[in-house]
Amino acid sequence: QVQLVESGGGLVQPGGSLRLSCTASGIIFRLDTMDWYRQAPGKQRELVASISSGGSTNYAGSVKGRFTISRDNAKNTVYLQMNSLKAEDTAVYYCYANNRLIGHDYWGQGTQVTVSS
């Protein structure tokens, strides 16, 4: 079983920055895509950023140019650097990973990010 644990959330003022981390632990054979999702109150969960095992990235239009996703495969960790934060970035951020070979998906428990003055 694989567990994902996020950290780095908190309260930040508009225009500020935060860096989220998500580390996978347990019996890990492989991790393919590692993503960050977010869910704001009353809204559906949405994909924020995605990174493949080879380092290819994709971003939601609303965060492109402000957020950067990266990963350290040796540490089984994915990061999300969030700059120029806006109030509308306020949400619970979830880490996701998958192992396509065996068809398993893994989710973290979420970390709250609040952007407010």
PDB file of N, CA and C in Angstrom:
ATOM      1  N   GLN A   1       0.848  -1.194   0.000  1.00  0.00           N
ATOM      2  CA  GLN A   1       0.000   0.000   0.000  1.00  0.00           C
ATOM      3  C   GLN A   1       0.886   1.247   0.000  1.00  0.00           C
ATOM      4  N   VAL A   2       0.434   2.259  -0.707  1.00  0.00           N
ATOM      5  CA  VAL A   2       1.160   3.524  -0.806  1.00  0.00           C
ATOM      6  C   VAL A   2       0.379   4.611  -0.099  1.00  0.00           C
ATOM      7  N   GLN A   3       1.056   5.388   0.715  1.00  0.00           N
ATOM      8  CA  GLN A   3       0.438   6.533   1.387  1.00  0.00           C
ATOM      9  C   GLN A   3       1.079   7.812   0.868  1.00  0.00           C
ATOM     10  N   LEU A   4       0.237   8.822   0.671  1.00  0.00           N
ATOM     11  CA  LEU A   4       0.709  10.149   0.268  1.00  0.00           C
ATOM     12  C   LEU A   4       0.422  11.124   1.394  1.00  0.00           C
ATOM     13  N   VAL A   5       1.427  11.887   1.774  1.00  0.00           N
ATOM     14  CA  VAL A   5       1.266  12.862   2.855  1.00  0.00           C
ATOM     15  C   VAL A   5       1.697  14.224   2.348  1.00  0.00           C
ATOM     16  N   GLU A   6       0.744  15.174   2.393  1.00  0.00           N
ATOM     17  CA  GLU A   6       1.030  16.541   1.967  1.00  0.00           C
ATOM     18  C   GLU A   6       1.465  17.394   3.147  1.00  0.00           C
ATOM     19  N   SER A   7       2.209  18.444   2.852  1.00  0.00           N
ATOM     20  CA  SER A   7       2.578  19.433   3.854  1.00  0.00           C
ATOM     21  C   SER A   7       2.827  20.761   3.157  1.00  0.00           C
ATOM     22  N   GLY A   8       2.854  21.820   3.963  1.00  0.00           N
ATOM     23  CA  GLY A   8       3.205  23.126   3.423  1.00  0.00           C
ATOM     24  C   GLY A   8       2.057  24.090   3.263  1.00  0.00           C
ATOM     25  N   GLY A   9       0.837  23.649   3.535  1.00  0.00           N
ATOM     26  CA  GLY A   9      -0.289  24.567   3.427  1.00  0.00           C
ATOM     27  C   GLY A   9      -0.291  25.592   4.548  1.00  0.00           C
ATOM     28  N   GLY A  10      -1.189  26.552   4.436  1.00  0.00           N
ATOM     29  CA  GLY A  10      -1.304  27.559   5.481  1.00  0.00           C
ATOM     30  C   GLY A  10      -2.021  28.790   5.000  1.00  0.00           C
ATOM     31  N   LEU A  11      -1.878  29.856   5.781  1.00  0.00           N
ATOM     32  CA  LEU A  11      -2.497  31.143   5.484  1.00  0.00           C
ATOM     33  C   LEU A  11      -1.442  32.077   4.908  1.00  0.00           C
ATOM     34  N   VAL A  12      -1.761  32.700   3.799  1.00  0.00           N
ATOM     35  CA  VAL A  12      -0.823  33.620   3.162  1.00  0.00           C
ATOM     36  C   VAL A  12      -1.595  34.805   2.608  1.00  0.00           C
ATOM     37  N   GLN A  13      -0.959  35.942   2.554  1.00  0.00           N
ATOM     38  CA  GLN A  13      -1.598  37.139   2.009  1.00  0.00           C
ATOM     39  C   GLN A  13      -1.600  37.094   0.478  1.00  0.00           C
ATOM     40  N   PRO A  14      -2.534  37.785  -0.143  1.00  0.00           N
ATOM     41  CA  PRO A  14      -2.523  37.870  -1.614  1.00  0.00           C
ATOM     42  C   PRO A  14      -1.177  38.383  -2.109  1.00  0.00           C
ATOM     43  N   GLY A  15      -0.693  37.743  -3.175  1.00  0.00           N
ATOM     44  CA  GLY A  15       0.619  38.082  -3.706  1.00  0.00           C
ATOM     45  C   GLY A  15       1.751  37.281  -3.107  1.00  0.00           C
ATOM     46  N   GLY A  16       1.459  36.543  -2.061  1.00  0.00           N
ATOM     47  CA  GLY A  16       2.484  35.754  -1.390  1.00  0.00           C
ATOM     48  C   GLY A  16       2.738  34.417  -2.062  1.00  0.00           C
ATOM     49  N   SER A  17       3.604  33.631  -1.423  1.00  0.00           N
ATOM     50  CA  SER A  17       4.009  32.337  -1.971  1.00  0.00           C
ATOM     51  C   SER A  17       3.907  31.252  -0.920  1.00  0.00           C
ATOM     52  N   LEU A  18       3.688  30.043  -1.408  1.00  0.00           N
ATOM     53  CA  LEU A  18       3.731  28.841  -0.576  1.00  0.00           C
ATOM     54  C   LEU A  18       4.329  27.716  -1.409  1.00  0.00           C
ATOM     55  N   ARG A  19       4.941  26.760  -0.715  1.00  0.00           N
ATOM     56  CA  ARG A  19       5.451  25.569  -1.388  1.00  0.00           C
ATOM     57  C   ARG A  19       4.853  24.336  -0.725  1.00  0.00           C
ATOM     58  N   LEU A  20       4.103  23.584  -1.503  1.00  0.00           N
ATOM     59  CA  LEU A  20       3.521  22.339  -1.012  1.00  0.00           C
ATOM     60  C   LEU A  20       4.442  21.171  -1.354  1.00  0.00           C
ATOM     61  N   SER A  21       4.461  20.200  -0.461  1.00  0.00           N
ATOM     62  CA  SER A  21       5.215  18.972  -0.691  1.00  0.00           C
ATOM     63  C   SER A  21       4.298  17.781  -0.480  1.00  0.00           C
ATOM     64  N   CYS A  22       4.568  16.719  -1.191  1.00  0.00           N
ATOM     65  CA  CYS A  22       3.819  15.477  -1.032  1.00  0.00           C
ATOM     66  C   CYS A  22       4.797  14.321  -1.186  1.00  0.00           C
ATOM     67  N   THR A  23       4.902  13.519  -0.131  1.00  0.00           N
ATOM     68  CA  THR A  23       5.832  12.401  -0.135  1.00  0.00           C
ATOM     69  C   THR A  23       5.072  11.084  -0.066  1.00  0.00           C
ATOM     70  N   ALA A  24       5.464  10.175  -0.935  1.00  0.00           N
ATOM     71  CA  ALA A  24       4.862   8.844  -0.947  1.00  0.00           C
ATOM     72  C   ALA A  24       5.691   7.895  -0.095  1.00  0.00           C
ATOM     73  N   SER A  25       5.000   7.058   0.654  1.00  0.00           N
ATOM     74  CA  SER A  25       5.691   6.067   1.478  1.00  0.00           C
ATOM     75  C   SER A  25       4.954   4.739   1.353  1.00  0.00           C
ATOM     76  N   GLY A  26       5.605   3.694   1.851  1.00  0.00           N
ATOM     77  CA  GLY A  26       5.017   2.368   1.757  1.00  0.00           C
ATOM     78  C   GLY A  26       5.763   1.529   0.744  1.00  0.00           C
ATOM     79  N   ILE A  27       5.068   0.543   0.210  1.00  0.00           N
ATOM     80  CA  ILE A  27       5.676  -0.351  -0.775  1.00  0.00           C
ATOM     81  C   ILE A  27       5.452   0.268  -2.148  1.00  0.00           C
ATOM     82  N   ILE A  28       6.496   0.921  -2.662  1.00  0.00           N
ATOM     83  CA  ILE A  28       6.385   1.670  -3.915  1.00  0.00           C
ATOM     84  C   ILE A  28       7.195   0.981  -4.992  1.00  0.00           C
ATOM     85  N   PHE A  29       6.510   0.475  -5.991  1.00  0.00           N
ATOM     86  CA  PHE A  29       7.216  -0.131  -7.120  1.00  0.00           C
ATOM     87  C   PHE A  29       7.467   0.903  -8.208  1.00  0.00           C
ATOM     88  N   ARG A  30       6.453   1.727  -8.429  1.00  0.00           N
ATOM     89  CA  ARG A  30       6.606   2.785  -9.411  1.00  0.00           C
ATOM     90  C   ARG A  30       5.509   3.806  -9.188  1.00  0.00           C
ATOM     91  N   LEU A  31       5.801   5.045  -9.548  1.00  0.00           N
ATOM     92  CA  LEU A  31       4.825   6.116  -9.543  1.00  0.00           C
ATOM     93  C   LEU A  31       4.889   6.782 -10.903  1.00  0.00           C
ATOM     94  N   ASP A  32       3.815   6.786 -11.607  1.00  0.00           N
ATOM     95  CA  ASP A  32       3.790   7.394 -12.936  1.00  0.00           C
ATOM     96  C   ASP A  32       3.450   8.872 -12.785  1.00  0.00           C
ATOM     97  N   THR A  33       2.244   9.256 -13.144  1.00  0.00           N
ATOM     98  CA  THR A  33       1.854  10.647 -13.007  1.00  0.00           C
ATOM     99  C   THR A  33       1.723  11.018 -11.524  1.00  0.00           C
ATOM    100  N   MET A  34       2.198  12.209 -11.198  1.00  0.00           N
ATOM    101  CA  MET A  34       1.959  12.781  -9.881  1.00  0.00           C
ATOM    102  C   MET A  34       1.324  14.147 -10.107  1.00  0.00           C
ATOM    103  N   ASP A  35       0.198  14.375  -9.467  1.00  0.00           N
ATOM    104  CA  ASP A  35      -0.597  15.579  -9.727  1.00  0.00           C
ATOM    105  C   ASP A  35      -0.917  16.314  -8.435  1.00  0.00           C
ATOM    106  N   TRP A  36      -1.289  17.552  -8.607  1.00  0.00           N
ATOM    107  CA  TRP A  36      -1.909  18.343  -7.551  1.00  0.00           C
ATOM    108  C   TRP A  36      -3.311  18.735  -8.018  1.00  0.00           C
ATOM    109  N   TYR A  37      -4.283  18.454  -7.175  1.00  0.00           N
ATOM    110  CA  TYR A  37      -5.666  18.871  -7.376  1.00  0.00           C
ATOM    111  C   TYR A  37      -6.027  19.843  -6.260  1.00  0.00           C
ATOM    112  N   ARG A  38      -7.118  20.551  -6.451  1.00  0.00           N
ATOM    113  CA  ARG A  38      -7.637  21.400  -5.383  1.00  0.00           C
ATOM    114  C   ARG A  38      -9.153  21.402  -5.426  1.00  0.00           C
ATOM    115  N   GLN A  39      -9.723  21.664  -4.255  1.00  0.00           N
ATOM    116  CA  GLN A  39     -11.172  21.745  -4.145  1.00  0.00           C
ATOM    117  C   GLN A  39     -11.540  22.890  -3.227  1.00  0.00           C
ATOM    118  N   ALA A  40     -12.221  23.868  -3.789  1.00  0.00           N
ATOM    119  CA  ALA A  40     -12.706  24.999  -3.019  1.00  0.00           C
ATOM    120  C   ALA A  40     -14.106  24.693  -2.497  1.00  0.00           C
ATOM    121  N   PRO A  41     -14.528  25.354  -1.431  1.00  0.00           N
ATOM    122  CA  PRO A  41     -15.868  25.095  -0.887  1.00  0.00           C
ATOM    123  C   PRO A  41     -16.954  25.269  -1.935  1.00  0.00           C
ATOM    124  N   GLY A  42     -17.813  24.276  -2.053  1.00  0.00           N
ATOM    125  CA  GLY A  42     -18.921  24.350  -2.991  1.00  0.00           C
ATOM    126  C   GLY A  42     -18.561  24.102  -4.433  1.00  0.00           C
ATOM    127  N   LYS A  43     -17.308  23.738  -4.684  1.00  0.00           N
ATOM    128  CA  LYS A  43     -16.868  23.510  -6.060  1.00  0.00           C
ATOM    129  C   LYS A  43     -16.343  22.090  -6.227  1.00  0.00           C
ATOM    130  N   GLN A  44     -16.261  21.666  -7.478  1.00  0.00           N
ATOM    131  CA  GLN A  44     -15.711  20.348  -7.767  1.00  0.00           C
ATOM    132  C   GLN A  44     -14.193  20.370  -7.675  1.00  0.00           C
ATOM    133  N   ARG A  45     -13.630  19.193  -7.393  1.00  0.00           N
ATOM    134  CA  ARG A  45     -12.187  19.071  -7.377  1.00  0.00           C
ATOM    135  C   ARG A  45     -11.659  19.282  -8.793  1.00  0.00           C
ATOM    136  N   GLU A  46     -10.578  20.053  -8.900  1.00  0.00           N
ATOM    137  CA  GLU A  46     -10.023  20.342 -10.219  1.00  0.00           C
ATOM    138  C   GLU A  46      -8.530  20.060 -10.238  1.00  0.00           C
ATOM    139  N   LEU A  47      -8.051  19.678 -11.422  1.00  0.00           N
ATOM    140  CA  LEU A  47      -6.636  19.438 -11.610  1.00  0.00           C
ATOM    141  C   LEU A  47      -5.908  20.774 -11.711  1.00  0.00           C
ATOM    142  N   VAL A  48      -4.866  20.920 -10.907  1.00  0.00           N
ATOM    143  CA  VAL A  48      -4.070  22.143 -10.902  1.00  0.00           C
ATOM    144  C   VAL A  48      -2.822  21.976 -11.761  1.00  0.00           C
ATOM    145  N   ALA A  49      -2.086  20.885 -11.519  1.00  0.00           N
ATOM    146  CA  ALA A  49      -0.834  20.661 -12.240  1.00  0.00           C
ATOM    147  C   ALA A  49      -0.523  19.176 -12.235  1.00  0.00           C
ATOM    148  N   SER A  50       0.194  18.761 -13.278  1.00  0.00           N
ATOM    149  CA  SER A  50       0.511  17.348 -13.450  1.00  0.00           C
ATOM    150  C   SER A  50       1.956  17.214 -13.925  1.00  0.00           C
ATOM    151  N   ILE A  51       2.615  16.155 -13.458  1.00  0.00           N
ATOM    152  CA  ILE A  51       3.986  15.902 -13.904  1.00  0.00           C
ATOM    153  C   ILE A  51       4.170  14.404 -14.112  1.00  0.00           C
ATOM    154  N   SER A  52       4.757  14.050 -15.241  1.00  0.00           N
ATOM    155  CA  SER A  52       4.997  12.643 -15.542  1.00  0.00           C
ATOM    156  C   SER A  52       6.285  12.180 -14.868  1.00  0.00           C
ATOM    157  N   SER A  53       6.528  10.885 -14.926  1.00  0.00           N
ATOM    158  CA  SER A  53       7.755  10.357 -14.339  1.00  0.00           C
ATOM    159  C   SER A  53       8.983  10.892 -15.056  1.00  0.00           C
ATOM    160  N   GLY A  54       8.811  11.297 -16.304  1.00  0.00           N
ATOM    161  CA  GLY A  54       9.920  11.855 -17.068  1.00  0.00           C
ATOM    162  C   GLY A  54      10.076  13.353 -16.937  1.00  0.00           C
ATOM    163  N   GLY A  55       9.129  13.983 -16.237  1.00  0.00           N
ATOM    164  CA  GLY A  55       9.247  15.408 -15.977  1.00  0.00           C
ATOM    165  C   GLY A  55       8.391  16.315 -16.852  1.00  0.00           C
ATOM    166  N   SER A  56       7.586  15.746 -17.720  1.00  0.00           N
ATOM    167  CA  SER A  56       6.691  16.577 -18.525  1.00  0.00           C
ATOM    168  C   SER A  56       5.583  17.135 -17.651  1.00  0.00           C
ATOM    169  N   THR A  57       5.271  18.413 -17.858  1.00  0.00           N
ATOM    170  CA  THR A  57       4.306  19.089 -16.984  1.00  0.00           C
ATOM    171  C   THR A  57       3.132  19.670 -17.762  1.00  0.00           C
ATOM    172  N   ASN A  58       2.020  19.796 -17.047  1.00  0.00           N
ATOM    173  CA  ASN A  58       0.832  20.470 -17.558  1.00  0.00           C
ATOM    174  C   ASN A  58       0.205  21.256 -16.434  1.00  0.00           C
ATOM    175  N   TYR A  59      -0.419  22.374 -16.785  1.00  0.00           N
ATOM    176  CA  TYR A  59      -1.010  23.254 -15.784  1.00  0.00           C
ATOM    177  C   TYR A  59      -2.405  23.682 -16.205  1.00  0.00           C
ATOM    178  N   ALA A  60      -3.242  23.911 -15.203  1.00  0.00           N
ATOM    179  CA  ALA A  60      -4.517  24.545 -15.451  1.00  0.00           C
ATOM    180  C   ALA A  60      -4.248  25.980 -15.887  1.00  0.00           C
ATOM    181  N   GLY A  61      -5.112  26.483 -16.761  1.00  0.00           N
ATOM    182  CA  GLY A  61      -4.909  27.830 -17.268  1.00  0.00           C
ATOM    183  C   GLY A  61      -4.874  28.888 -16.177  1.00  0.00           C
ATOM    184  N   SER A  62      -5.622  28.654 -15.111  1.00  0.00           N
ATOM    185  CA  SER A  62      -5.731  29.654 -14.050  1.00  0.00           C
ATOM    186  C   SER A  62      -4.456  29.796 -13.217  1.00  0.00           C
ATOM    187  N   VAL A  63      -3.559  28.822 -13.303  1.00  0.00           N
ATOM    188  CA  VAL A  63      -2.337  28.878 -12.500  1.00  0.00           C
ATOM    189  C   VAL A  63      -1.078  28.967 -13.345  1.00  0.00           C
ATOM    190  N   LYS A  64      -1.215  28.846 -14.651  1.00  0.00           N
ATOM    191  CA  LYS A  64      -0.053  28.846 -15.537  1.00  0.00           C
ATOM    192  C   LYS A  64       0.719  30.149 -15.381  1.00  0.00           C
ATOM    193  N   GLY A  65       2.025  30.022 -15.210  1.00  0.00           N
ATOM    194  CA  GLY A  65       2.872  31.195 -15.015  1.00  0.00           C
ATOM    195  C   GLY A  65       3.039  31.597 -13.566  1.00  0.00           C
ATOM    196  N   ARG A  66       2.204  31.029 -12.688  1.00  0.00           N
ATOM    197  CA  ARG A  66       2.307  31.358 -11.261  1.00  0.00           C
ATOM    198  C   ARG A  66       2.735  30.140 -10.434  1.00  0.00           C
ATOM    199  N   PHE A  67       2.306  28.965 -10.838  1.00  0.00           N
ATOM    200  CA  PHE A  67       2.614  27.731 -10.101  1.00  0.00           C
ATOM    201  C   PHE A  67       3.629  26.906 -10.891  1.00  0.00           C
ATOM    202  N   THR A  68       4.472  26.192 -10.160  1.00  0.00           N
ATOM    203  CA  THR A  68       5.446  25.291 -10.778  1.00  0.00           C
ATOM    204  C   THR A  68       5.411  23.948 -10.056  1.00  0.00           C
ATOM    205  N   ILE A  69       5.204  22.881 -10.821  1.00  0.00           N
ATOM    206  CA  ILE A  69       5.227  21.535 -10.256  1.00  0.00           C
ATOM    207  C   ILE A  69       6.577  20.899 -10.575  1.00  0.00           C
ATOM    208  N   SER A  70       7.103  20.160  -9.620  1.00  0.00           N
ATOM    209  CA  SER A  70       8.368  19.447  -9.822  1.00  0.00           C
ATOM    210  C   SER A  70       8.328  18.176  -8.982  1.00  0.00           C
ATOM    211  N   ARG A  71       9.259  17.278  -9.251  1.00  0.00           N
ATOM    212  CA  ARG A  71       9.293  16.041  -8.480  1.00  0.00           C
ATOM    213  C   ARG A  71      10.725  15.565  -8.323  1.00  0.00           C
ATOM    214  N   ASP A  72      10.928  14.851  -7.225  1.00  0.00           N
ATOM    215  CA  ASP A  72      12.204  14.211  -6.944  1.00  0.00           C
ATOM    216  C   ASP A  72      11.913  12.709  -6.869  1.00  0.00           C
ATOM    217  N   ASN A  73      12.224  11.995  -7.940  1.00  0.00           N
ATOM    218  CA  ASN A  73      11.876  10.578  -7.998  1.00  0.00           C
ATOM    219  C   ASN A  73      12.630   9.759  -6.947  1.00  0.00           C
ATOM    220  N   ALA A  74      13.837  10.175  -6.622  1.00  0.00           N
ATOM    221  CA  ALA A  74      14.610   9.448  -5.613  1.00  0.00           C
ATOM    222  C   ALA A  74      13.961   9.533  -4.238  1.00  0.00           C
ATOM    223  N   LYS A  75      13.250  10.621  -4.001  1.00  0.00           N
ATOM    224  CA  LYS A  75      12.580  10.829  -2.709  1.00  0.00           C
ATOM    225  C   LYS A  75      11.083  10.538  -2.782  1.00  0.00           C
ATOM    226  N   ASN A  76      10.601  10.129  -3.956  1.00  0.00           N
ATOM    227  CA  ASN A  76       9.158   9.884  -4.134  1.00  0.00           C
ATOM    228  C   ASN A  76       8.336  11.087  -3.676  1.00  0.00           C
ATOM    229  N   THR A  77       8.782  12.262  -4.063  1.00  0.00           N
ATOM    230  CA  THR A  77       8.166  13.496  -3.597  1.00  0.00           C
ATOM    231  C   THR A  77       7.830  14.399  -4.781  1.00  0.00           C
ATOM    232  N   VAL A  78       6.665  15.038  -4.697  1.00  0.00           N
ATOM    233  CA  VAL A  78       6.255  16.033  -5.680  1.00  0.00           C
ATOM    234  C   VAL A  78       6.032  17.347  -4.949  1.00  0.00           C
ATOM    235  N   TYR A  79       6.375  18.424  -5.613  1.00  0.00           N
ATOM    236  CA  TYR A  79       6.269  19.761  -5.025  1.00  0.00           C
ATOM    237  C   TYR A  79       5.349  20.630  -5.883  1.00  0.00           C
ATOM    238  N   LEU A  80       4.786  21.650  -5.237  1.00  0.00           N
ATOM    239  CA  LEU A  80       4.041  22.669  -5.960  1.00  0.00           C
ATOM    240  C   LEU A  80       4.455  24.018  -5.393  1.00  0.00           C
ATOM    241  N   GLN A  81       5.216  24.755  -6.173  1.00  0.00           N
ATOM    242  CA  GLN A  81       5.611  26.111  -5.805  1.00  0.00           C
ATOM    243  C   GLN A  81       4.524  27.044  -6.300  1.00  0.00           C
ATOM    244  N   MET A  82       3.918  27.767  -5.381  1.00  0.00           N
ATOM    245  CA  MET A  82       2.810  28.661  -5.719  1.00  0.00           C
ATOM    246  C   MET A  82       3.213  30.094  -5.438  1.00  0.00           C
ATOM    247  N   ASN A  83       3.273  30.909  -6.476  1.00  0.00           N
ATOM    248  CA  ASN A  83       3.637  32.318  -6.359  1.00  0.00           C
ATOM    249  C   ASN A  83       2.462  33.195  -6.774  1.00  0.00           C
ATOM    250  N   SER A  84       2.543  34.457  -6.412  1.00  0.00           N
ATOM    251  CA  SER A  84       1.505  35.434  -6.773  1.00  0.00           C
ATOM    252  C   SER A  84       0.118  34.895  -6.440  1.00  0.00           C
ATOM    253  N   LEU A  85      -0.030  34.404  -5.235  1.00  0.00           N
ATOM    254  CA  LEU A  85      -1.283  33.763  -4.844  1.00  0.00           C
ATOM    255  C   LEU A  85      -2.428  34.762  -4.799  1.00  0.00           C
ATOM    256  N   LYS A  86      -3.601  34.269  -5.166  1.00  0.00           N
ATOM    257  CA  LYS A  86      -4.813  35.083  -5.200  1.00  0.00           C
ATOM    258  C   LYS A  86      -5.849  34.464  -4.270  1.00  0.00           C
ATOM    259  N   ALA A  87      -6.837  35.243  -3.906  1.00  0.00           N
ATOM    260  CA  ALA A  87      -7.889  34.739  -3.036  1.00  0.00           C
ATOM    261  C   ALA A  87      -8.568  33.513  -3.649  1.00  0.00           C
ATOM    262  N   GLU A  88      -8.699  33.509  -4.946  1.00  0.00           N
ATOM    263  CA  GLU A  88      -9.372  32.393  -5.618  1.00  0.00           C
ATOM    264  C   GLU A  88      -8.537  31.106  -5.632  1.00  0.00           C
ATOM    265  N   ASP A  89      -7.311  31.169  -5.152  1.00  0.00           N
ATOM    266  CA  ASP A  89      -6.502  29.956  -5.005  1.00  0.00           C
ATOM    267  C   ASP A  89      -6.821  29.240  -3.691  1.00  0.00           C
ATOM    268  N   THR A  90      -7.620  29.855  -2.849  1.00  0.00           N
ATOM    269  CA  THR A  90      -7.991  29.245  -1.578  1.00  0.00           C
ATOM    270  C   THR A  90      -8.745  27.941  -1.808  1.00  0.00           C
ATOM    271  N   ALA A  91      -8.238  26.867  -1.223  1.00  0.00           N
ATOM    272  CA  ALA A  91      -8.826  25.544  -1.428  1.00  0.00           C
ATOM    273  C   ALA A  91      -8.062  24.527  -0.585  1.00  0.00           C
ATOM    274  N   VAL A  92      -8.608  23.330  -0.528  1.00  0.00           N
ATOM    275  CA  VAL A  92      -7.839  22.197  -0.014  1.00  0.00           C
ATOM    276  C   VAL A  92      -7.098  21.600  -1.211  1.00  0.00           C
ATOM    277  N   TYR A  93      -5.799  21.446  -1.059  1.00  0.00           N
ATOM    278  CA  TYR A  93      -4.961  20.918  -2.136  1.00  0.00           C
ATOM    279  C   TYR A  93      -4.646  19.446  -1.846  1.00  0.00           C
ATOM    280  N   TYR A  94      -4.871  18.622  -2.857  1.00  0.00           N
ATOM    281  CA  TYR A  94      -4.676  17.183  -2.731  1.00  0.00           C
ATOM    282  C   TYR A  94      -3.579  16.709  -3.681  1.00  0.00           C
ATOM    283  N   CYS A  95      -2.790  15.798  -3.176  1.00  0.00           N
ATOM    284  CA  CYS A  95      -1.769  15.141  -3.977  1.00  0.00           C
ATOM    285  C   CYS A  95      -2.356  13.840  -4.529  1.00  0.00           C
ATOM    286  N   TYR A  96      -1.992  13.519  -5.763  1.00  0.00           N
ATOM    287  CA  TYR A  96      -2.460  12.305  -6.418  1.00  0.00           C
ATOM    288  C   TYR A  96      -1.282  11.659  -7.138  1.00  0.00           C
ATOM    289  N   ALA A  97      -1.269  10.341  -7.117  1.00  0.00           N
ATOM    290  CA  ALA A  97      -0.263   9.599  -7.884  1.00  0.00           C
ATOM    291  C   ALA A  97      -0.881   8.319  -8.401  1.00  0.00           C
ATOM    292  N   ASN A  98      -0.310   7.769  -9.442  1.00  0.00           N
ATOM    293  CA  ASN A  98      -0.819   6.497  -9.937  1.00  0.00           C
ATOM    294  C   ASN A  98       0.294   5.566 -10.365  1.00  0.00           C
ATOM    295  N   ASN A  99      -0.079   4.302 -10.425  1.00  0.00           N
ATOM    296  CA  ASN A  99       0.777   3.253 -10.946  1.00  0.00           C
ATOM    297  C   ASN A  99      -0.023   2.601 -12.061  1.00  0.00           C
ATOM    298  N   ARG A 100       0.256   3.008 -13.296  1.00  0.00           N
ATOM    299  CA  ARG A 100      -0.538   2.534 -14.428  1.00  0.00           C
ATOM    300  C   ARG A 100      -0.353   1.042 -14.672  1.00  0.00           C
ATOM    301  N   LEU A 101       0.783   0.525 -14.264  1.00  0.00           N
ATOM    302  CA  LEU A 101       1.059  -0.883 -14.531  1.00  0.00           C
ATOM    303  C   LEU A 101       0.054  -1.787 -13.828  1.00  0.00           C
ATOM    304  N   ILE A 102      -0.298  -1.418 -12.595  1.00  0.00           N
ATOM    305  CA  ILE A 102      -1.247  -2.241 -11.837  1.00  0.00           C
ATOM    306  C   ILE A 102      -2.587  -1.543 -11.667  1.00  0.00           C
ATOM    307  N   GLY A 103      -2.710  -0.352 -12.240  1.00  0.00           N
ATOM    308  CA  GLY A 103      -4.001   0.334 -12.209  1.00  0.00           C
ATOM    309  C   GLY A 103      -4.402   0.850 -10.849  1.00  0.00           C
ATOM    310  N   HIS A 104      -3.449   1.297 -10.053  1.00  0.00           N
ATOM    311  CA  HIS A 104      -3.751   1.835  -8.723  1.00  0.00           C
ATOM    312  C   HIS A 104      -3.616   3.353  -8.711  1.00  0.00           C
ATOM    313  N   ASP A 105      -4.560   3.988  -8.010  1.00  0.00           N
ATOM    314  CA  ASP A 105      -4.547   5.425  -7.784  1.00  0.00           C
ATOM    315  C   ASP A 105      -4.365   5.683  -6.301  1.00  0.00           C
ATOM    316  N   TYR A 106      -3.646   6.743  -5.980  1.00  0.00           N
ATOM    317  CA  TYR A 106      -3.395   7.084  -4.584  1.00  0.00           C
ATOM    318  C   TYR A 106      -3.699   8.559  -4.368  1.00  0.00           C
ATOM    319  N   TRP A 107      -4.313   8.854  -3.228  1.00  0.00           N
ATOM    320  CA  TRP A 107      -4.644  10.225  -2.866  1.00  0.00           C
ATOM    321  C   TRP A 107      -4.102  10.552  -1.487  1.00  0.00           C
ATOM    322  N   GLY A 108      -3.672  11.807  -1.324  1.00  0.00           N
ATOM    323  CA  GLY A 108      -3.311  12.295  -0.011  1.00  0.00           C
ATOM    324  C   GLY A 108      -4.545  12.786   0.724  1.00  0.00           C
ATOM    325  N   GLN A 109      -4.353  13.207   1.966  1.00  0.00           N
ATOM    326  CA  GLN A 109      -5.482  13.621   2.799  1.00  0.00           C
ATOM    327  C   GLN A 109      -5.852  15.082   2.587  1.00  0.00           C
ATOM    328  N   GLY A 110      -4.994  15.822   1.920  1.00  0.00           N
ATOM    329  CA  GLY A 110      -5.269  17.220   1.622  1.00  0.00           C
ATOM    330  C   GLY A 110      -4.607  18.171   2.598  1.00  0.00           C
ATOM    331  N   THR A 111      -4.282  19.355   2.115  1.00  0.00           N
ATOM    332  CA  THR A 111      -3.727  20.410   2.959  1.00  0.00           C
ATOM    333  C   THR A 111      -4.413  21.727   2.584  1.00  0.00           C
ATOM    334  N   GLN A 112      -4.797  22.481   3.596  1.00  0.00           N
ATOM    335  CA  GLN A 112      -5.553  23.717   3.365  1.00  0.00           C
ATOM    336  C   GLN A 112      -4.618  24.852   2.978  1.00  0.00           C
ATOM    337  N   VAL A 113      -4.979  25.554   1.927  1.00  0.00           N
ATOM    338  CA  VAL A 113      -4.310  26.789   1.533  1.00  0.00           C
ATOM    339  C   VAL A 113      -5.346  27.902   1.566  1.00  0.00           C
ATOM    340  N   THR A 114      -5.080  28.924   2.341  1.00  0.00           N
ATOM    341  CA  THR A 114      -5.982  30.065   2.457  1.00  0.00           C
ATOM    342  C   THR A 114      -5.228  31.326   2.095  1.00  0.00           C
ATOM    343  N   VAL A 115      -5.757  32.039   1.118  1.00  0.00           N
ATOM    344  CA  VAL A 115      -5.143  33.294   0.673  1.00  0.00           C
ATOM    345  C   VAL A 115      -6.079  34.421   1.080  1.00  0.00           C
ATOM    346  N   SER A 116      -5.634  35.208   2.045  1.00  0.00           N
ATOM    347  CA  SER A 116      -6.493  36.253   2.598  1.00  0.00           C
ATOM    348  C   SER A 116      -5.647  37.315   3.268  1.00  0.00           C
ATOM    349  N   SER A 117      -6.140  38.546   3.217  1.00  0.00           N
ATOM    350  CA  SER A 117      -5.456  39.629   3.914  1.00  0.00           C
ATOM    351  C   SER A 117      -6.047  39.822   5.302  1.00  0.00           C
TER     352      SER A 117
END
